[in-house]
Amino acid sequence: MLSGWVRQHWGIENKLHHVRDVTYEEDRSQVRTGSAPQVMATLRNTAIGLLRAAGFDNIAEANRHMIRDEARPLRLLQT
């Protein structure tokens, strides 16, 4: 039971880190000093969470969808 929970937890963690690294290129980020890296990670996590809550499974596709209309991200924040 505990091992199943741990596997599920790490699956979620790995999925989030994979999206942050591949879609948002987190490993290439030049933000390295002070609390800025944590702030950027929080912003990325918030964006991912909002997009998933809006029904998107593919975050890269969701980002492309959002940038096609500058009002879409604002509408997403208003929901």
PDB file of N, CA and C in Angstrom:
ATOM      1  N   MET A   1       0.821  -1.185   0.000  1.00  0.00           N
ATOM      2  CA  MET A   1       0.000   0.000   0.000  1.00  0.00           C
ATOM      3  C   MET A   1       0.870   1.255   0.000  1.00  0.00           C
ATOM      4  N   LEU A   2       1.827   1.323   0.893  1.00  0.00           N
ATOM      5  CA  LEU A   2       2.721   2.474   0.948  1.00  0.00           C
ATOM      6  C   LEU A   2       3.547   2.572  -0.327  1.00  0.00           C
ATOM      7  N   SER A   3       4.013   1.431  -0.811  1.00  0.00           N
ATOM      8  CA  SER A   3       4.830   1.462  -2.026  1.00  0.00           C
ATOM      9  C   SER A   3       4.021   1.964  -3.221  1.00  0.00           C
ATOM     10  N   GLY A   4       2.746   1.623  -3.280  1.00  0.00           N
ATOM     11  CA  GLY A   4       1.890   2.125  -4.356  1.00  0.00           C
ATOM     12  C   GLY A   4       1.723   3.627  -4.282  1.00  0.00           C
ATOM     13  N   TRP A   5       1.553   4.137  -3.069  1.00  0.00           N
ATOM     14  CA  TRP A   5       1.430   5.587  -2.888  1.00  0.00           C
ATOM     15  C   TRP A   5       2.714   6.284  -3.311  1.00  0.00           C
ATOM     16  N   VAL A   6       3.860   5.715  -2.922  1.00  0.00           N
ATOM     17  CA  VAL A   6       5.152   6.315  -3.266  1.00  0.00           C
ATOM     18  C   VAL A   6       5.337   6.342  -4.779  1.00  0.00           C
ATOM     19  N   ARG A   7       5.017   5.237  -5.447  1.00  0.00           N
ATOM     20  CA  ARG A   7       5.136   5.191  -6.913  1.00  0.00           C
ATOM     21  C   ARG A   7       4.227   6.228  -7.567  1.00  0.00           C
ATOM     22  N   GLN A   8       3.008   6.347  -7.066  1.00  0.00           N
ATOM     23  CA  GLN A   8       2.078   7.332  -7.620  1.00  0.00           C
ATOM     24  C   GLN A   8       2.609   8.746  -7.398  1.00  0.00           C
ATOM     25  N   HIS A   9       3.113   9.003  -6.197  1.00  0.00           N
ATOM     26  CA  HIS A   9       3.649  10.328  -5.872  1.00  0.00           C
ATOM     27  C   HIS A   9       4.811  10.675  -6.798  1.00  0.00           C
ATOM     28  N   TRP A  10       5.743   9.735  -6.986  1.00  0.00           N
ATOM     29  CA  TRP A  10       6.888  10.013  -7.843  1.00  0.00           C
ATOM     30  C   TRP A  10       6.478  10.138  -9.297  1.00  0.00           C
ATOM     31  N   GLY A  11       5.441   9.417  -9.703  1.00  0.00           N
ATOM     32  CA  GLY A  11       4.937   9.569 -11.065  1.00  0.00           C
ATOM     33  C   GLY A  11       4.423  10.975 -11.308  1.00  0.00           C
ATOM     34  N   ILE A  12       3.708  11.514 -10.326  1.00  0.00           N
ATOM     35  CA  ILE A  12       3.206  12.889 -10.429  1.00  0.00           C
ATOM     36  C   ILE A  12       4.367  13.865 -10.433  1.00  0.00           C
ATOM     37  N   GLU A  13       5.318  13.678  -9.525  1.00  0.00           N
ATOM     38  CA  GLU A  13       6.485  14.564  -9.454  1.00  0.00           C
ATOM     39  C   GLU A  13       7.272  14.537 -10.759  1.00  0.00           C
ATOM     40  N   ASN A  14       7.525  13.341 -11.276  1.00  0.00           N
ATOM     41  CA  ASN A  14       8.284  13.225 -12.521  1.00  0.00           C
ATOM     42  C   ASN A  14       7.547  13.871 -13.683  1.00  0.00           C
ATOM     43  N   LYS A  15       6.237  13.716 -13.723  1.00  0.00           N
ATOM     44  CA  LYS A  15       5.446  14.318 -14.795  1.00  0.00           C
ATOM     45  C   LYS A  15       5.558  15.837 -14.741  1.00  0.00           C
ATOM     46  N   LEU A  16       5.453  16.399 -13.557  1.00  0.00           N
ATOM     47  CA  LEU A  16       5.543  17.847 -13.401  1.00  0.00           C
ATOM     48  C   LEU A  16       6.929  18.345 -13.785  1.00  0.00           C
ATOM     49  N   HIS A  17       7.973  17.682 -13.299  1.00  0.00           N
ATOM     50  CA  HIS A  17       9.337  18.114 -13.620  1.00  0.00           C
ATOM     51  C   HIS A  17       9.628  17.963 -15.111  1.00  0.00           C
ATOM     52  N   HIS A  18       9.101  16.908 -15.705  1.00  0.00           N
ATOM     53  CA  HIS A  18       9.305  16.706 -17.143  1.00  0.00           C
ATOM     54  C   HIS A  18       8.673  17.855 -17.930  1.00  0.00           C
ATOM     55  N   VAL A  19       7.454  18.221 -17.580  1.00  0.00           N
ATOM     56  CA  VAL A  19       6.779  19.327 -18.279  1.00  0.00           C
ATOM     57  C   VAL A  19       7.542  20.622 -18.069  1.00  0.00           C
ATOM     58  N   ARG A  20       7.961  20.873 -16.829  1.00  0.00           N
ATOM     59  CA  ARG A  20       8.691  22.119 -16.559  1.00  0.00           C
ATOM     60  C   ARG A  20       9.999  22.161 -17.333  1.00  0.00           C
ATOM     61  N   ASP A  21      10.671  21.031 -17.436  1.00  0.00           N
ATOM     62  CA  ASP A  21      11.962  21.027 -18.124  1.00  0.00           C
ATOM     63  C   ASP A  21      11.798  21.050 -19.639  1.00  0.00           C
ATOM     64  N   VAL A  22      10.933  20.207 -20.167  1.00  0.00           N
ATOM     65  CA  VAL A  22      10.809  20.097 -21.620  1.00  0.00           C
ATOM     66  C   VAL A  22      10.025  21.275 -22.206  1.00  0.00           C
ATOM     67  N   THR A  23       8.885  21.602 -21.632  1.00  0.00           N
ATOM     68  CA  THR A  23       8.034  22.651 -22.198  1.00  0.00           C
ATOM     69  C   THR A  23       8.541  24.041 -21.865  1.00  0.00           C
ATOM     70  N   TYR A  24       8.961  24.234 -20.630  1.00  0.00           N
ATOM     71  CA  TYR A  24       9.401  25.567 -20.206  1.00  0.00           C
ATOM     72  C   TYR A  24      10.925  25.693 -20.122  1.00  0.00           C
ATOM     73  N   GLU A  25      11.640  24.645 -20.535  1.00  0.00           N
ATOM     74  CA  GLU A  25      13.114  24.638 -20.565  1.00  0.00           C
ATOM     75  C   GLU A  25      13.723  25.132 -19.249  1.00  0.00           C
ATOM     76  N   GLU A  26      13.211  24.603 -18.154  1.00  0.00           N
ATOM     77  CA  GLU A  26      13.648  25.057 -16.839  1.00  0.00           C
ATOM     78  C   GLU A  26      15.148  24.850 -16.608  1.00  0.00           C
ATOM     79  N   ASP A  27      15.686  23.755 -17.095  1.00  0.00           N
ATOM     80  CA  ASP A  27      17.115  23.495 -16.883  1.00  0.00           C
ATOM     81  C   ASP A  27      18.003  24.510 -17.595  1.00  0.00           C
ATOM     82  N   ARG A  28      17.494  25.156 -18.630  1.00  0.00           N
ATOM     83  CA  ARG A  28      18.275  26.154 -19.372  1.00  0.00           C
ATOM     84  C   ARG A  28      18.090  27.563 -18.828  1.00  0.00           C
ATOM     85  N   SER A  29      17.262  27.703 -17.824  1.00  0.00           N
ATOM     86  CA  SER A  29      16.956  29.029 -17.283  1.00  0.00           C
ATOM     87  C   SER A  29      18.213  29.715 -16.757  1.00  0.00           C
ATOM     88  N   GLN A  30      18.316  31.010 -17.009  1.00  0.00           N
ATOM     89  CA  GLN A  30      19.437  31.813 -16.522  1.00  0.00           C
ATOM     90  C   GLN A  30      19.146  32.413 -15.145  1.00  0.00           C
ATOM     91  N   VAL A  31      17.945  32.172 -14.637  1.00  0.00           N
ATOM     92  CA  VAL A  31      17.543  32.692 -13.327  1.00  0.00           C
ATOM     93  C   VAL A  31      18.162  31.797 -12.262  1.00  0.00           C
ATOM     94  N   ARG A  32      19.143  32.339 -11.519  1.00  0.00           N
ATOM     95  CA  ARG A  32      19.879  31.488 -10.588  1.00  0.00           C
ATOM     96  C   ARG A  32      20.127  32.104  -9.207  1.00  0.00           C
ATOM     97  N   THR A  33      19.782  33.351  -8.993  1.00  0.00           N
ATOM     98  CA  THR A  33      20.161  33.983  -7.730  1.00  0.00           C
ATOM     99  C   THR A  33      18.947  34.338  -6.880  1.00  0.00           C
ATOM    100  N   GLY A  34      19.184  34.368  -5.589  1.00  0.00           N
ATOM    101  CA  GLY A  34      18.147  34.753  -4.642  1.00  0.00           C
ATOM    102  C   GLY A  34      16.951  33.820  -4.692  1.00  0.00           C
ATOM    103  N   SER A  35      15.785  34.389  -4.516  1.00  0.00           N
ATOM    104  CA  SER A  35      14.560  33.587  -4.525  1.00  0.00           C
ATOM    105  C   SER A  35      13.948  33.488  -5.924  1.00  0.00           C
ATOM    106  N   ALA A  36      14.585  34.099  -6.901  1.00  0.00           N
ATOM    107  CA  ALA A  36      14.042  34.113  -8.264  1.00  0.00           C
ATOM    108  C   ALA A  36      13.794  32.712  -8.836  1.00  0.00           C
ATOM    109  N   PRO A  37      14.693  31.729  -8.639  1.00  0.00           N
ATOM    110  CA  PRO A  37      14.403  30.395  -9.175  1.00  0.00           C
ATOM    111  C   PRO A  37      13.127  29.790  -8.583  1.00  0.00           C
ATOM    112  N   GLN A  38      12.909  30.000  -7.287  1.00  0.00           N
ATOM    113  CA  GLN A  38      11.692  29.483  -6.648  1.00  0.00           C
ATOM    114  C   GLN A  38      10.453  30.201  -7.174  1.00  0.00           C
ATOM    115  N   VAL A  39      10.574  31.501  -7.370  1.00  0.00           N
ATOM    116  CA  VAL A  39       9.448  32.276  -7.901  1.00  0.00           C
ATOM    117  C   VAL A  39       9.096  31.785  -9.301  1.00  0.00           C
ATOM    118  N   MET A  40      10.103  31.588 -10.141  1.00  0.00           N
ATOM    119  CA  MET A  40       9.848  31.118 -11.507  1.00  0.00           C
ATOM    120  C   MET A  40       9.237  29.718 -11.506  1.00  0.00           C
ATOM    121  N   ALA A  41       9.729  28.832 -10.630  1.00  0.00           N
ATOM    122  CA  ALA A  41       9.155  27.488 -10.533  1.00  0.00           C
ATOM    123  C   ALA A  41       7.695  27.568 -10.093  1.00  0.00           C
ATOM    124  N   THR A  42       7.398  28.462  -9.168  1.00  0.00           N
ATOM    125  CA  THR A  42       6.016  28.643  -8.712  1.00  0.00           C
ATOM    126  C   THR A  42       5.133  29.150  -9.844  1.00  0.00           C
ATOM    127  N   LEU A  43       5.633  30.098 -10.617  1.00  0.00           N
ATOM    128  CA  LEU A  43       4.865  30.606 -11.759  1.00  0.00           C
ATOM    129  C   LEU A  43       4.621  29.509 -12.797  1.00  0.00           C
ATOM    130  N   ARG A  44       5.645  28.709 -13.063  1.00  0.00           N
ATOM    131  CA  ARG A  44       5.481  27.603 -14.022  1.00  0.00           C
ATOM    132  C   ARG A  44       4.465  26.594 -13.501  1.00  0.00           C
ATOM    133  N   ASN A  45       4.572  26.238 -12.215  1.00  0.00           N
ATOM    134  CA  ASN A  45       3.628  25.285 -11.624  1.00  0.00           C
ATOM    135  C   ASN A  45       2.203  25.825 -11.672  1.00  0.00           C
ATOM    136  N   THR A  46       2.052  27.122 -11.420  1.00  0.00           N
ATOM    137  CA  THR A  46       0.729  27.743 -11.472  1.00  0.00           C
ATOM    138  C   THR A  46       0.163  27.677 -12.885  1.00  0.00           C
ATOM    139  N   ALA A  47       0.991  27.988 -13.869  1.00  0.00           N
ATOM    140  CA  ALA A  47       0.544  27.925 -15.265  1.00  0.00           C
ATOM    141  C   ALA A  47       0.126  26.504 -15.632  1.00  0.00           C
ATOM    142  N   ILE A  48       0.929  25.531 -15.249  1.00  0.00           N
ATOM    143  CA  ILE A  48       0.609  24.131 -15.542  1.00  0.00           C
ATOM    144  C   ILE A  48      -0.698  23.743 -14.862  1.00  0.00           C
ATOM    145  N   GLY A  49      -0.848  24.116 -13.606  1.00  0.00           N
ATOM    146  CA  GLY A  49      -2.072  23.799 -12.868  1.00  0.00           C
ATOM    147  C   GLY A  49      -3.309  24.425 -13.488  1.00  0.00           C
ATOM    148  N   LEU A  50      -3.204  25.688 -13.895  1.00  0.00           N
ATOM    149  CA  LEU A  50      -4.340  26.362 -14.534  1.00  0.00           C
ATOM    150  C   LEU A  50      -4.710  25.695 -15.856  1.00  0.00           C
ATOM    151  N   LEU A  51      -3.703  25.339 -16.629  1.00  0.00           N
ATOM    152  CA  LEU A  51      -3.972  24.701 -17.918  1.00  0.00           C
ATOM    153  C   LEU A  51      -4.582  23.315 -17.734  1.00  0.00           C
ATOM    154  N   ARG A  52      -4.085  22.568 -16.768  1.00  0.00           N
ATOM    155  CA  ARG A  52      -4.660  21.240 -16.498  1.00  0.00           C
ATOM    156  C   ARG A  52      -6.104  21.380 -15.988  1.00  0.00           C
ATOM    157  N   ALA A  53      -6.341  22.360 -15.119  1.00  0.00           N
ATOM    158  CA  ALA A  53      -7.701  22.583 -14.605  1.00  0.00           C
ATOM    159  C   ALA A  53      -8.657  22.987 -15.727  1.00  0.00           C
ATOM    160  N   ALA A  54      -8.124  23.618 -16.761  1.00  0.00           N
ATOM    161  CA  ALA A  54      -8.944  24.019 -17.911  1.00  0.00           C
ATOM    162  C   ALA A  54      -9.184  22.855 -18.869  1.00  0.00           C
ATOM    163  N   GLY A  55      -8.606  21.691 -18.556  1.00  0.00           N
ATOM    164  CA  GLY A  55      -8.862  20.502 -19.359  1.00  0.00           C
ATOM    165  C   GLY A  55      -7.777  20.117 -20.341  1.00  0.00           C
ATOM    166  N   PHE A  56      -6.657  20.819 -20.311  1.00  0.00           N
ATOM    167  CA  PHE A  56      -5.561  20.485 -21.222  1.00  0.00           C
ATOM    168  C   PHE A  56      -4.695  19.377 -20.623  1.00  0.00           C
ATOM    169  N   ASP A  57      -4.397  18.366 -21.422  1.00  0.00           N
ATOM    170  CA  ASP A  57      -3.475  17.308 -21.007  1.00  0.00           C
ATOM    171  C   ASP A  57      -2.066  17.593 -21.515  1.00  0.00           C
ATOM    172  N   ASN A  58      -1.979  18.183 -22.686  1.00  0.00           N
ATOM    173  CA  ASN A  58      -0.693  18.481 -23.307  1.00  0.00           C
ATOM    174  C   ASN A  58      -0.393  19.967 -23.084  1.00  0.00           C
ATOM    175  N   ILE A  59       0.559  20.254 -22.208  1.00  0.00           N
ATOM    176  CA  ILE A  59       0.838  21.638 -21.820  1.00  0.00           C
ATOM    177  C   ILE A  59       1.471  22.421 -22.970  1.00  0.00           C
ATOM    178  N   ALA A  60       2.328  21.802 -23.751  1.00  0.00           N
ATOM    179  CA  ALA A  60       2.924  22.496 -24.897  1.00  0.00           C
ATOM    180  C   ALA A  60       1.836  22.901 -25.891  1.00  0.00           C
ATOM    181  N   GLU A  61       0.923  21.997 -26.160  1.00  0.00           N
ATOM    182  CA  GLU A  61      -0.195  22.306 -27.055  1.00  0.00           C
ATOM    183  C   GLU A  61      -1.074  23.410 -26.454  1.00  0.00           C
ATOM    184  N   ALA A  62      -1.290  23.355 -25.159  1.00  0.00           N
ATOM    185  CA  ALA A  62      -2.087  24.385 -24.477  1.00  0.00           C
ATOM    186  C   ALA A  62      -1.425  25.752 -24.599  1.00  0.00           C
ATOM    187  N   ASN A  63      -0.106  25.798 -24.444  1.00  0.00           N
ATOM    188  CA  ASN A  63       0.610  27.071 -24.591  1.00  0.00           C
ATOM    189  C   ASN A  63       0.439  27.632 -25.995  1.00  0.00           C
ATOM    190  N   ARG A  64       0.567  26.772 -26.998  1.00  0.00           N
ATOM    191  CA  ARG A  64       0.383  27.223 -28.381  1.00  0.00           C
ATOM    192  C   ARG A  64      -1.043  27.729 -28.598  1.00  0.00           C
ATOM    193  N   HIS A  65      -2.002  27.028 -28.020  1.00  0.00           N
ATOM    194  CA  HIS A  65      -3.400  27.442 -28.122  1.00  0.00           C
ATOM    195  C   HIS A  65      -3.598  28.813 -27.472  1.00  0.00           C
ATOM    196  N   MET A  66      -3.002  29.018 -26.324  1.00  0.00           N
ATOM    197  CA  MET A  66      -3.183  30.268 -25.583  1.00  0.00           C
ATOM    198  C   MET A  66      -2.574  31.469 -26.309  1.00  0.00           C
ATOM    199  N   ILE A  67      -1.440  31.279 -26.964  1.00  0.00           N
ATOM    200  CA  ILE A  67      -0.784  32.440 -27.575  1.00  0.00           C
ATOM    201  C   ILE A  67      -1.418  32.864 -28.899  1.00  0.00           C
ATOM    202  N   ARG A  68      -2.318  32.048 -29.426  1.00  0.00           N
ATOM    203  CA  ARG A  68      -2.986  32.424 -30.679  1.00  0.00           C
ATOM    204  C   ARG A  68      -3.937  33.607 -30.496  1.00  0.00           C
ATOM    205  N   ASP A  69      -4.378  33.829 -29.274  1.00  0.00           N
ATOM    206  CA  ASP A  69      -5.304  34.933 -28.979  1.00  0.00           C
ATOM    207  C   ASP A  69      -4.878  35.526 -27.643  1.00  0.00           C
ATOM    208  N   GLU A  70      -4.439  36.761 -27.661  1.00  0.00           N
ATOM    209  CA  GLU A  70      -3.879  37.369 -26.445  1.00  0.00           C
ATOM    210  C   GLU A  70      -4.879  37.468 -25.300  1.00  0.00           C
ATOM    211  N   ALA A  71      -6.168  37.368 -25.571  1.00  0.00           N
ATOM    212  CA  ALA A  71      -7.175  37.444 -24.512  1.00  0.00           C
ATOM    213  C   ALA A  71      -7.404  36.096 -23.823  1.00  0.00           C
ATOM    214  N   ARG A  72      -6.999  34.999 -24.439  1.00  0.00           N
ATOM    215  CA  ARG A  72      -7.248  33.675 -23.851  1.00  0.00           C
ATOM    216  C   ARG A  72      -6.630  33.499 -22.469  1.00  0.00           C
ATOM    217  N   PRO A  73      -5.359  33.836 -22.283  1.00  0.00           N
ATOM    218  CA  PRO A  73      -4.798  33.655 -20.932  1.00  0.00           C
ATOM    219  C   PRO A  73      -5.544  34.477 -19.878  1.00  0.00           C
ATOM    220  N   LEU A  74      -5.968  35.672 -20.246  1.00  0.00           N
ATOM    221  CA  LEU A  74      -6.710  36.504 -19.295  1.00  0.00           C
ATOM    222  C   LEU A  74      -8.061  35.886 -18.963  1.00  0.00           C
ATOM    223  N   ARG A  75      -8.721  35.331 -19.968  1.00  0.00           N
ATOM    224  CA  ARG A  75     -10.005  34.656 -19.709  1.00  0.00           C
ATOM    225  C   ARG A  75      -9.801  33.444 -18.813  1.00  0.00           C
ATOM    226  N   LEU A  76      -8.704  32.744 -19.011  1.00  0.00           N
ATOM    227  CA  LEU A  76      -8.413  31.581 -18.170  1.00  0.00           C
ATOM    228  C   LEU A  76      -8.239  32.005 -16.712  1.00  0.00           C
ATOM    229  N   LEU A  77      -7.574  33.111 -16.493  1.00  0.00           N
ATOM    230  CA  LEU A  77      -7.372  33.604 -15.126  1.00  0.00           C
ATOM    231  C   LEU A  77      -8.675  34.069 -14.485  1.00  0.00           C
ATOM    232  N   GLN A  78      -9.631  34.477 -15.274  1.00  0.00           N
ATOM    233  CA  GLN A  78     -10.903  34.965 -14.741  1.00  0.00           C
ATOM    234  C   GLN A  78     -11.858  33.848 -14.361  1.00  0.00           C
ATOM    235  N   THR A  79     -11.569  32.627 -14.780  1.00  0.00           N
ATOM    236  CA  THR A  79     -12.476  31.518 -14.472  1.00  0.00           C
ATOM    237  C   THR A  79     -12.229  30.952 -13.108  1.00  0.00           C
TER     238      THR A  79
END
